[in-house]
PDB file of all heavy atoms in Angstrom:
ATOM      1  N   ALA A   1     235.288 133.577  86.069  1.00  0.00           N
ATOM      2  CA  ALA A   1     234.900 132.853  84.724  1.00  0.00           C
ATOM      3  C   ALA A   1     234.110 133.961  83.838  1.00  0.00           C
ATOM      4  O   ALA A   1     233.206 134.615  84.366  1.00  0.00           O
ATOM      5  CB  ALA A   1     234.016 131.727  85.003  1.00  0.00           C
ATOM      6  N   LYS A   2     234.468 134.040  82.632  1.00  0.00           N
ATOM      7  CA  LYS A   2     233.754 134.968  81.754  1.00  0.00           C
ATOM      8  C   LYS A   2     232.469 134.355  81.170  1.00  0.00           C
ATOM      9  O   LYS A   2     231.601 135.121  80.646  1.00  0.00           O
ATOM     10  CB  LYS A   2     234.704 135.418  80.566  1.00  0.00           C
ATOM     11  CG  LYS A   2     235.896 136.246  81.105  1.00  0.00           C
ATOM     12  CD  LYS A   2     236.717 136.811  79.916  1.00  0.00           C
ATOM     13  CE  LYS A   2     237.714 137.786  80.257  1.00  0.00           C
ATOM     14  NZ  LYS A   2     238.583 137.576  81.385  1.00  0.00           N
ATOM     15  N   SER A   3     232.435 133.016  81.189  1.00  0.00           N
ATOM     16  CA  SER A   3     231.221 132.395  80.667  1.00  0.00           C
ATOM     17  C   SER A   3     230.955 131.076  81.498  1.00  0.00           C
ATOM     18  O   SER A   3     231.860 130.642  82.207  1.00  0.00           O
ATOM     19  CB  SER A   3     231.458 132.029  79.183  1.00  0.00           C
ATOM     20  OG  SER A   3     232.492 131.106  79.051  1.00  0.00           O
ATOM     21  N   VAL A   4     229.784 130.623  81.334  1.00  0.00           N
ATOM     22  CA  VAL A   4     229.397 129.263  81.984  1.00  0.00           C
ATOM     23  C   VAL A   4     228.799 128.395  80.937  1.00  0.00           C
ATOM     24  O   VAL A   4     227.931 128.890  80.133  1.00  0.00           O
ATOM     25  CB  VAL A   4     228.403 129.627  83.104  1.00  0.00           C
ATOM     26  CG1 VAL A   4     227.986 128.262  83.812  1.00  0.00           C
ATOM     27  CG2 VAL A   4     228.898 130.571  84.162  1.00  0.00           C
ATOM     28  N   ASP A   5     229.279 127.225  80.836  1.00  0.00           N
ATOM     29  CA  ASP A   5     228.768 126.207  79.872  1.00  0.00           C
ATOM     30  C   ASP A   5     228.022 125.120  80.556  1.00  0.00           C
ATOM     31  O   ASP A   5     228.189 124.835  81.732  1.00  0.00           O
ATOM     32  CB  ASP A   5     229.958 125.616  79.132  1.00  0.00           C
ATOM     33  CG  ASP A   5     230.637 126.596  78.197  1.00  0.00           C
ATOM     34  OD1 ASP A   5     230.008 127.159  77.383  1.00  0.00           O
ATOM     35  OD2 ASP A   5     231.916 126.667  78.342  1.00  0.00           O
ATOM     36  N   LEU A   6     227.082 124.489  79.795  1.00  0.00           N
ATOM     37  CA  LEU A   6     226.411 123.397  80.173  1.00  0.00           C
ATOM     38  C   LEU A   6     225.839 122.638  78.996  1.00  0.00           C
ATOM     39  O   LEU A   6     225.858 123.210  77.885  1.00  0.00           O
ATOM     40  CB  LEU A   6     225.208 123.712  81.087  1.00  0.00           C
ATOM     41  CG  LEU A   6     224.108 124.662  80.671  1.00  0.00           C
ATOM     42  CD1 LEU A   6     223.101 123.955  79.843  1.00  0.00           C
ATOM     43  CD2 LEU A   6     223.424 125.223  81.888  1.00  0.00           C
ATOM     44  N   THR A   7     225.442 121.349  79.158  1.00  0.00           N
ATOM     45  CA  THR A   7     224.745 120.666  78.052  1.00  0.00           C
ATOM     46  C   THR A   7     223.460 120.184  78.699  1.00  0.00           C
ATOM     47  O   THR A   7     223.310 119.937  79.892  1.00  0.00           O
ATOM     48  CB  THR A   7     225.549 119.434  77.577  1.00  0.00           C
ATOM     49  OG1 THR A   7     225.830 118.578  78.678  1.00  0.00           O
ATOM     50  CG2 THR A   7     226.897 119.913  76.964  1.00  0.00           C
ATOM     51  N   SER A   8     222.430 119.997  77.798  1.00  0.00           N
ATOM     52  CA  SER A   8     221.142 119.502  78.216  1.00  0.00           C
ATOM     53  C   SER A   8     220.516 118.750  77.044  1.00  0.00           C
ATOM     54  O   SER A   8     220.521 119.223  75.928  1.00  0.00           O
ATOM     55  CB  SER A   8     220.263 120.725  78.628  1.00  0.00           C
ATOM     56  OG  SER A   8     219.059 120.204  79.107  1.00  0.00           O
ATOM     57  N   ARG A   9     220.034 117.546  77.418  1.00  0.00           N
ATOM     58  CA  ARG A   9     219.384 116.793  76.314  1.00  0.00           C
ATOM     59  C   ARG A   9     218.121 117.515  75.797  1.00  0.00           C
ATOM     60  O   ARG A   9     217.394 118.148  76.539  1.00  0.00           O
ATOM     61  CB  ARG A   9     218.943 115.410  76.973  1.00  0.00           C
ATOM     62  CG  ARG A   9     220.004 114.453  77.176  1.00  0.00           C
ATOM     63  CD  ARG A   9     219.411 113.153  77.523  1.00  0.00           C
ATOM     64  NE  ARG A   9     218.761 113.241  78.859  1.00  0.00           N
ATOM     65  CZ  ARG A   9     219.159 112.569  79.981  1.00  0.00           C
ATOM     66  NH1 ARG A   9     220.260 111.792  79.898  1.00  0.00           N
ATOM     67  NH2 ARG A   9     218.477 112.724  81.031  1.00  0.00           N
ATOM     68  N   PRO A  10     217.946 117.431  74.444  1.00  0.00           N
ATOM     69  CA  PRO A  10     216.811 118.134  73.860  1.00  0.00           C
ATOM     70  C   PRO A  10     215.425 117.740  74.490  1.00  0.00           C
ATOM     71  O   PRO A  10     214.496 118.488  74.560  1.00  0.00           O
ATOM     72  CB  PRO A  10     216.887 117.793  72.394  1.00  0.00           C
ATOM     73  CG  PRO A  10     218.290 117.484  72.200  1.00  0.00           C
ATOM     74  CD  PRO A  10     218.835 116.919  73.487  1.00  0.00           C
ATOM     75  N   SER A  11     215.347 116.479  74.944  1.00  0.00           N
ATOM     76  CA  SER A  11     214.175 115.984  75.550  1.00  0.00           C
ATOM     77  C   SER A  11     213.771 116.619  76.867  1.00  0.00           C
ATOM     78  O   SER A  11     212.584 116.552  77.343  1.00  0.00           O
ATOM     79  CB  SER A  11     214.263 114.462  75.733  1.00  0.00           C
ATOM     80  OG  SER A  11     215.193 114.129  76.708  1.00  0.00           O
ATOM     81  N   ARG A  12     214.696 117.356  77.443  1.00  0.00           N
ATOM     82  CA  ARG A  12     214.469 118.050  78.750  1.00  0.00           C
ATOM     83  C   ARG A  12     213.993 119.457  78.348  1.00  0.00           C
ATOM     84  O   ARG A  12     214.704 120.441  78.559  1.00  0.00           O
ATOM     85  CB  ARG A  12     215.683 118.099  79.551  1.00  0.00           C
ATOM     86  CG  ARG A  12     216.142 116.707  80.067  1.00  0.00           C
ATOM     87  CD  ARG A  12     217.175 116.818  81.178  1.00  0.00           C
ATOM     88  NE  ARG A  12     217.476 115.506  81.694  1.00  0.00           N
ATOM     89  CZ  ARG A  12     216.896 114.907  82.702  1.00  0.00           C
ATOM     90  NH1 ARG A  12     215.884 115.467  83.361  1.00  0.00           N
ATOM     91  NH2 ARG A  12     217.245 113.675  83.110  1.00  0.00           N
ATOM     92  N   GLU A  13     212.763 119.511  77.841  1.00  0.00           N
ATOM     93  CA  GLU A  13     212.254 120.772  77.288  1.00  0.00           C
ATOM     94  C   GLU A  13     212.160 121.876  78.378  1.00  0.00           C
ATOM     95  O   GLU A  13     212.507 122.957  78.069  1.00  0.00           O
ATOM     96  CB  GLU A  13     210.932 120.533  76.585  1.00  0.00           C
ATOM     97  CG  GLU A  13     210.894 119.605  75.409  1.00  0.00           C
ATOM     98  CD  GLU A  13     209.668 119.284  74.810  1.00  0.00           C
ATOM     99  OE1 GLU A  13     208.576 119.820  75.203  1.00  0.00           O
ATOM    100  OE2 GLU A  13     209.684 118.423  73.898  1.00  0.00           O
ATOM    101  N   ALA A  14     211.691 121.554  79.510  1.00  0.00           N
ATOM    102  CA  ALA A  14     211.463 122.625  80.538  1.00  0.00           C
ATOM    103  C   ALA A  14     212.868 123.156  80.950  1.00  0.00           C
ATOM    104  O   ALA A  14     213.058 124.362  81.163  1.00  0.00           O
ATOM    105  CB  ALA A  14     210.750 122.061  81.781  1.00  0.00           C
ATOM    106  N   ALA A  15     213.889 122.254  81.136  1.00  0.00           N
ATOM    107  CA  ALA A  15     215.220 122.714  81.463  1.00  0.00           C
ATOM    108  C   ALA A  15     215.780 123.592  80.402  1.00  0.00           C
ATOM    109  O   ALA A  15     216.375 124.688  80.661  1.00  0.00           O
ATOM    110  CB  ALA A  15     216.050 121.457  81.716  1.00  0.00           C
ATOM    111  N   ASN A  16     215.585 123.230  79.114  1.00  0.00           N
ATOM    112  CA  ASN A  16     216.042 124.029  78.070  1.00  0.00           C
ATOM    113  C   ASN A  16     215.488 125.397  77.998  1.00  0.00           C
ATOM    114  O   ASN A  16     216.086 126.368  77.711  1.00  0.00           O
ATOM    115  CB  ASN A  16     215.995 123.236  76.689  1.00  0.00           C
ATOM    116  CG  ASN A  16     217.035 122.208  76.567  1.00  0.00           C
ATOM    117  OD1 ASN A  16     218.172 122.551  76.273  1.00  0.00           O
ATOM    118  ND2 ASN A  16     216.657 120.946  76.751  1.00  0.00           N
ATOM    119  N   ARG A  17     214.193 125.471  78.258  1.00  0.00           N
ATOM    120  CA  ARG A  17     213.464 126.741  78.247  1.00  0.00           C
ATOM    121  C   ARG A  17     214.049 127.603  79.381  1.00  0.00           C
ATOM    122  O   ARG A  17     214.251 128.774  79.261  1.00  0.00           O
ATOM    123  CB  ARG A  17     211.991 126.623  78.453  1.00  0.00           C
ATOM    124  CG  ARG A  17     211.215 126.184  77.229  1.00  0.00           C
ATOM    125  CD  ARG A  17     209.766 126.272  77.351  1.00  0.00           C
ATOM    126  NE  ARG A  17     209.173 125.517  78.469  1.00  0.00           N
ATOM    127  CZ  ARG A  17     208.863 124.217  78.418  1.00  0.00           C
ATOM    128  NH1 ARG A  17     208.935 123.595  77.226  1.00  0.00           N
ATOM    129  NH2 ARG A  17     208.320 123.630  79.458  1.00  0.00           N
ATOM    130  N   LEU A  18     214.324 127.024  80.502  1.00  0.00           N
ATOM    131  CA  LEU A  18     214.894 127.733  81.758  1.00  0.00           C
ATOM    132  C   LEU A  18     216.239 128.226  81.303  1.00  0.00           C
ATOM    133  O   LEU A  18     216.594 129.464  81.559  1.00  0.00           O
ATOM    134  CB  LEU A  18     214.983 126.794  83.011  1.00  0.00           C
ATOM    135  CG  LEU A  18     215.797 127.476  84.065  1.00  0.00           C
ATOM    136  CD1 LEU A  18     215.184 128.708  84.577  1.00  0.00           C
ATOM    137  CD2 LEU A  18     215.966 126.327  85.215  1.00  0.00           C
ATOM    138  N   TYR A  19     217.174 127.433  80.730  1.00  0.00           N
ATOM    139  CA  TYR A  19     218.422 127.852  80.377  1.00  0.00           C
ATOM    140  C   TYR A  19     218.417 129.053  79.426  1.00  0.00           C
ATOM    141  O   TYR A  19     219.168 130.050  79.617  1.00  0.00           O
ATOM    142  CB  TYR A  19     219.337 126.755  79.789  1.00  0.00           C
ATOM    143  CG  TYR A  19     219.432 125.588  80.698  1.00  0.00           C
ATOM    144  CD1 TYR A  19     219.413 124.261  80.214  1.00  0.00           C
ATOM    145  CD2 TYR A  19     219.740 125.788  82.078  1.00  0.00           C
ATOM    146  CE1 TYR A  19     219.556 123.210  81.177  1.00  0.00           C
ATOM    147  CE2 TYR A  19     219.877 124.720  82.946  1.00  0.00           C
ATOM    148  CZ  TYR A  19     219.806 123.415  82.504  1.00  0.00           C
ATOM    149  OH  TYR A  19     219.969 122.371  83.404  1.00  0.00           O
ATOM    150  N   GLN A  20     217.490 129.030  78.430  1.00  0.00           N
ATOM    151  CA  GLN A  20     217.374 130.114  77.509  1.00  0.00           C
ATOM    152  C   GLN A  20     216.824 131.394  78.269  1.00  0.00           C
ATOM    153  O   GLN A  20     217.331 132.451  77.976  1.00  0.00           O
ATOM    154  CB  GLN A  20     216.421 129.755  76.342  1.00  0.00           C
ATOM    155  CG  GLN A  20     217.093 128.627  75.448  1.00  0.00           C
ATOM    156  CD  GLN A  20     216.126 128.051  74.524  1.00  0.00           C
ATOM    157  OE1 GLN A  20     215.112 128.654  74.235  1.00  0.00           O
ATOM    158  NE2 GLN A  20     216.470 126.917  73.919  1.00  0.00           N
ATOM    159  N   LYS A  21     215.904 131.201  79.161  1.00  0.00           N
ATOM    160  CA  LYS A  21     215.346 132.357  79.964  1.00  0.00           C
ATOM    161  C   LYS A  21     216.473 132.955  80.743  1.00  0.00           C
ATOM    162  O   LYS A  21     216.481 134.203  80.909  1.00  0.00           O
ATOM    163  CB  LYS A  21     214.290 131.826  80.809  1.00  0.00           C
ATOM    164  CG  LYS A  21     213.798 132.876  81.861  1.00  0.00           C
ATOM    165  CD  LYS A  21     212.832 132.223  82.875  1.00  0.00           C
ATOM    166  CE  LYS A  21     212.555 133.156  84.013  1.00  0.00           C
ATOM    167  NZ  LYS A  21     211.701 132.543  85.084  1.00  0.00           N
ATOM    168  N   LEU A  22     217.437 132.178  81.261  1.00  0.00           N
ATOM    169  CA  LEU A  22     218.505 132.709  82.094  1.00  0.00           C
ATOM    170  C   LEU A  22     219.632 133.298  81.198  1.00  0.00           C
ATOM    171  O   LEU A  22     220.601 133.914  81.751  1.00  0.00           O
ATOM    172  CB  LEU A  22     219.142 131.621  82.895  1.00  0.00           C
ATOM    173  CG  LEU A  22     218.246 131.088  84.040  1.00  0.00           C
ATOM    174  CD1 LEU A  22     218.819 129.869  84.713  1.00  0.00           C
ATOM    175  CD2 LEU A  22     217.902 132.207  85.035  1.00  0.00           C
ATOM    176  N   GLY A  23     219.536 133.232  79.868  1.00  0.00           N
ATOM    177  CA  GLY A  23     220.585 133.909  79.024  1.00  0.00           C
ATOM    178  C   GLY A  23     221.527 132.956  78.326  1.00  0.00           C
ATOM    179  O   GLY A  23     222.468 133.368  77.616  1.00  0.00           O
ATOM    180  N   PHE A  24     221.413 131.620  78.594  1.00  0.00           N
ATOM    181  CA  PHE A  24     222.260 130.673  77.908  1.00  0.00           C
ATOM    182  C   PHE A  24     221.858 130.617  76.427  1.00  0.00           C
ATOM    183  O   PHE A  24     220.658 130.710  76.137  1.00  0.00           O
ATOM    184  CB  PHE A  24     222.198 129.285  78.522  1.00  0.00           C
ATOM    185  CG  PHE A  24     222.772 129.107  79.863  1.00  0.00           C
ATOM    186  CD1 PHE A  24     222.031 129.426  81.038  1.00  0.00           C
ATOM    187  CD2 PHE A  24     224.110 128.747  79.957  1.00  0.00           C
ATOM    188  CE1 PHE A  24     222.684 129.231  82.300  1.00  0.00           C
ATOM    189  CE2 PHE A  24     224.618 128.571  81.213  1.00  0.00           C
ATOM    190  CZ  PHE A  24     224.011 128.863  82.376  1.00  0.00           C
ATOM    191  N   VAL A  25     222.816 130.505  75.536  1.00  0.00           N
ATOM    192  CA  VAL A  25     222.446 130.342  74.144  1.00  0.00           C
ATOM    193  C   VAL A  25     223.112 129.092  73.629  1.00  0.00           C
ATOM    194  O   VAL A  25     224.278 128.684  74.061  1.00  0.00           O
ATOM    195  CB  VAL A  25     222.979 131.590  73.337  1.00  0.00           C
ATOM    196  CG1 VAL A  25     222.202 132.868  73.692  1.00  0.00           C
ATOM    197  CG2 VAL A  25     224.496 131.824  73.520  1.00  0.00           C
ATOM    198  N   ALA A  26     222.548 128.458  72.694  1.00  0.00           N
ATOM    199  CA  ALA A  26     223.094 127.295  72.102  1.00  0.00           C
ATOM    200  C   ALA A  26     224.324 127.660  71.349  1.00  0.00           C
ATOM    201  O   ALA A  26     224.301 128.618  70.573  1.00  0.00           O
ATOM    202  CB  ALA A  26     222.117 126.588  71.215  1.00  0.00           C
ATOM    203  N   ARG A  27     225.347 126.869  71.459  1.00  0.00           N
ATOM    204  CA  ARG A  27     226.649 127.055  70.776  1.00  0.00           C
ATOM    205  C   ARG A  27     226.657 126.120  69.552  1.00  0.00           C
ATOM    206  O   ARG A  27     226.169 125.012  69.614  1.00  0.00           O
ATOM    207  CB  ARG A  27     227.819 126.735  71.678  1.00  0.00           C
ATOM    208  CG  ARG A  27     227.928 127.734  72.870  1.00  0.00           C
ATOM    209  CD  ARG A  27     229.058 127.418  73.676  1.00  0.00           C
ATOM    210  NE  ARG A  27     230.300 127.665  72.937  1.00  0.00           N
ATOM    211  CZ  ARG A  27     231.548 127.183  73.311  1.00  0.00           C
ATOM    212  NH1 ARG A  27     231.606 126.528  74.434  1.00  0.00           N
ATOM    213  NH2 ARG A  27     232.585 127.403  72.574  1.00  0.00           N
ATOM    214  N   GLU A  28     227.313 126.610  68.517  1.00  0.00           N
ATOM    215  CA  GLU A  28     227.469 125.785  67.291  1.00  0.00           C
ATOM    216  C   GLU A  28     228.833 124.990  67.576  1.00  0.00           C
ATOM    217  O   GLU A  28     229.893 125.543  67.310  1.00  0.00           O
ATOM    218  CB  GLU A  28     227.593 126.624  66.113  1.00  0.00           C
ATOM    219  CG  GLU A  28     227.546 125.783  64.767  1.00  0.00           C
ATOM    220  CD  GLU A  28     227.276 126.589  63.591  1.00  0.00           C
ATOM    221  OE1 GLU A  28     226.617 127.553  63.586  1.00  0.00           O
ATOM    222  OE2 GLU A  28     227.996 126.242  62.522  1.00  0.00           O
ATOM    223  N   THR A  29     228.643 123.807  68.142  1.00  0.00           N
ATOM    224  CA  THR A  29     229.814 123.033  68.442  1.00  0.00           C
ATOM    225  C   THR A  29     229.400 121.523  68.428  1.00  0.00           C
ATOM    226  O   THR A  29     228.261 121.180  68.354  1.00  0.00           O
ATOM    227  CB  THR A  29     230.403 123.367  69.797  1.00  0.00           C
ATOM    228  OG1 THR A  29     231.566 122.610  70.037  1.00  0.00           O
ATOM    229  CG2 THR A  29     229.355 122.996  70.918  1.00  0.00           C
ATOM    230  N   ASN A  30     230.399 120.661  68.366  1.00  0.00           N
ATOM    231  CA  ASN A  30     230.142 119.245  68.456  1.00  0.00           C
ATOM    232  C   ASN A  30     230.589 118.821  69.887  1.00  0.00           C
ATOM    233  O   ASN A  30     231.631 119.298  70.411  1.00  0.00           O
ATOM    234  CB  ASN A  30     231.037 118.462  67.461  1.00  0.00           C
ATOM    235  CG  ASN A  30     230.570 118.793  66.031  1.00  0.00           C
ATOM    236  OD1 ASN A  30     229.407 119.089  65.741  1.00  0.00           O
ATOM    237  ND2 ASN A  30     231.568 118.761  65.090  1.00  0.00           N
ATOM    238  N   VAL A  31     229.799 117.908  70.472  1.00  0.00           N
ATOM    239  CA  VAL A  31     230.169 117.405  71.800  1.00  0.00           C
ATOM    240  C   VAL A  31     230.594 115.970  71.495  1.00  0.00           C
ATOM    241  O   VAL A  31     229.846 115.186  70.934  1.00  0.00           O
ATOM    242  CB  VAL A  31     229.011 117.434  72.767  1.00  0.00           C
ATOM    243  CG1 VAL A  31     229.399 116.756  74.121  1.00  0.00           C
ATOM    244  CG2 VAL A  31     228.591 118.893  73.024  1.00  0.00           C
ATOM    245  N   TYR A  32     231.818 115.593  71.979  1.00  0.00           N
ATOM    246  CA  TYR A  32     232.373 114.285  71.738  1.00  0.00           C
ATOM    247  C   TYR A  32     232.504 113.655  73.091  1.00  0.00           C
ATOM    248  O   TYR A  32     232.751 114.266  74.160  1.00  0.00           O
ATOM    249  CB  TYR A  32     233.648 114.403  71.050  1.00  0.00           C
ATOM    250  CG  TYR A  32     233.627 114.904  69.665  1.00  0.00           C
ATOM    251  CD1 TYR A  32     233.878 116.221  69.446  1.00  0.00           C
ATOM    252  CD2 TYR A  32     233.410 113.961  68.549  1.00  0.00           C
ATOM    253  CE1 TYR A  32     233.763 116.724  68.180  1.00  0.00           C
ATOM    254  CE2 TYR A  32     233.296 114.538  67.283  1.00  0.00           C
ATOM    255  CZ  TYR A  32     233.508 115.890  67.064  1.00  0.00           C
ATOM    256  OH  TYR A  32     233.449 116.382  65.815  1.00  0.00           O
ATOM    257  N   ARG A  33     232.440 112.344  73.096  1.00  0.00           N
ATOM    258  CA  ARG A  33     232.688 111.533  74.281  1.00  0.00           C
ATOM    259  C   ARG A  33     233.484 110.270  74.020  1.00  0.00           C
ATOM    260  O   ARG A  33     233.132 109.594  73.060  1.00  0.00           O
ATOM    261  CB  ARG A  33     231.355 111.119  74.978  1.00  0.00           C
ATOM    262  CG  ARG A  33     231.533 110.232  76.189  1.00  0.00           C
ATOM    263  CD  ARG A  33     230.269 109.901  76.892  1.00  0.00           C
ATOM    264  NE  ARG A  33     229.804 111.040  77.453  1.00  0.00           N
ATOM    265  CZ  ARG A  33     228.532 111.255  77.869  1.00  0.00           C
ATOM    266  NH1 ARG A  33     227.605 110.324  77.695  1.00  0.00           N
ATOM    267  NH2 ARG A  33     228.135 112.343  78.485  1.00  0.00           N
ATOM    268  N   TYR A  34     234.565 110.066  74.726  1.00  0.00           N
ATOM    269  CA  TYR A  34     235.410 108.954  74.551  1.00  0.00           C
ATOM    270  C   TYR A  34     234.958 107.944  75.700  1.00  0.00           C
ATOM    271  O   TYR A  34     235.074 108.411  76.806  1.00  0.00           O
ATOM    272  CB  TYR A  34     236.821 109.211  74.596  1.00  0.00           C
ATOM    273  CG  TYR A  34     237.741 108.038  74.471  1.00  0.00           C
ATOM    274  CD1 TYR A  34     237.991 107.454  73.315  1.00  0.00           C
ATOM    275  CD2 TYR A  34     238.351 107.575  75.617  1.00  0.00           C
ATOM    276  CE1 TYR A  34     238.790 106.307  73.265  1.00  0.00           C
ATOM    277  CE2 TYR A  34     239.160 106.458  75.600  1.00  0.00           C
ATOM    278  CZ  TYR A  34     239.314 105.787  74.404  1.00  0.00           C
ATOM    279  OH  TYR A  34     240.184 104.694  74.350  1.00  0.00           O
ATOM    280  N   GLN A  35     234.598 106.744  75.412  1.00  0.00           N
ATOM    281  CA  GLN A  35     234.320 105.689  76.437  1.00  0.00           C
ATOM    282  C   GLN A  35     235.096 104.450  76.259  1.00  0.00           C
ATOM    283  O   GLN A  35     234.759 103.477  76.836  1.00  0.00           O
ATOM    284  CB  GLN A  35     232.826 105.368  76.394  1.00  0.00           C
ATOM    285  CG  GLN A  35     231.987 106.588  76.912  1.00  0.00           C
ATOM    286  CD  GLN A  35     230.540 106.136  77.082  1.00  0.00           C
ATOM    287  OE1 GLN A  35     229.878 105.900  76.079  1.00  0.00           O
ATOM    288  NE2 GLN A  35     230.077 106.127  78.282  1.00  0.00           N
ATOM    289  N   GLY A  36     236.174 104.500  75.507  1.00  0.00           N
ATOM    290  CA  GLY A  36     236.994 103.366  75.240  1.00  0.00           C
ATOM    291  C   GLY A  36     237.793 102.939  76.488  1.00  0.00           C
ATOM    292  O   GLY A  36     237.815 103.594  77.536  1.00  0.00           O
ATOM    293  N   SER A  37     238.295 101.782  76.470  1.00  0.00           N
ATOM    294  CA  SER A  37     239.145 101.266  77.503  1.00  0.00           C
ATOM    295  C   SER A  37     240.633 101.343  77.147  1.00  0.00           C
ATOM    296  O   SER A  37     240.944 101.343  75.894  1.00  0.00           O
ATOM    297  CB  SER A  37     238.726  99.843  77.914  1.00  0.00           C
ATOM    298  OG  SER A  37     238.961  99.074  76.852  1.00  0.00           O
ATOM    299  N   ARG A  38     241.444 101.393  78.092  1.00  0.00           N
ATOM    300  CA  ARG A  38     242.938 101.478  77.800  1.00  0.00           C
ATOM    301  C   ARG A  38     243.516 100.054  77.964  1.00  0.00           C
ATOM    302  O   ARG A  38     243.200  99.247  78.664  1.00  0.00           O
ATOM    303  CB  ARG A  38     243.614 102.395  78.811  1.00  0.00           C
ATOM    304  CG  ARG A  38     243.143 103.767  78.493  1.00  0.00           C
ATOM    305  CD  ARG A  38     243.876 104.713  79.424  1.00  0.00           C
ATOM    306  NE  ARG A  38     244.049 105.977  78.714  1.00  0.00           N
ATOM    307  CZ  ARG A  38     244.925 106.831  79.022  1.00  0.00           C
ATOM    308  NH1 ARG A  38     245.619 106.748  80.071  1.00  0.00           N
ATOM    309  NH2 ARG A  38     245.001 107.958  78.328  1.00  0.00           N
TER     310      ARG A  38
END
């Protein structure tokens, strides 16, 4: 894998600081979720 992705809620401040410390950068993207039924 050339990259590793993750998402983290903004309220998880310590986790977000850790991810940034490890070199993760916020991406300019939209995250969508479909929860409908079929």
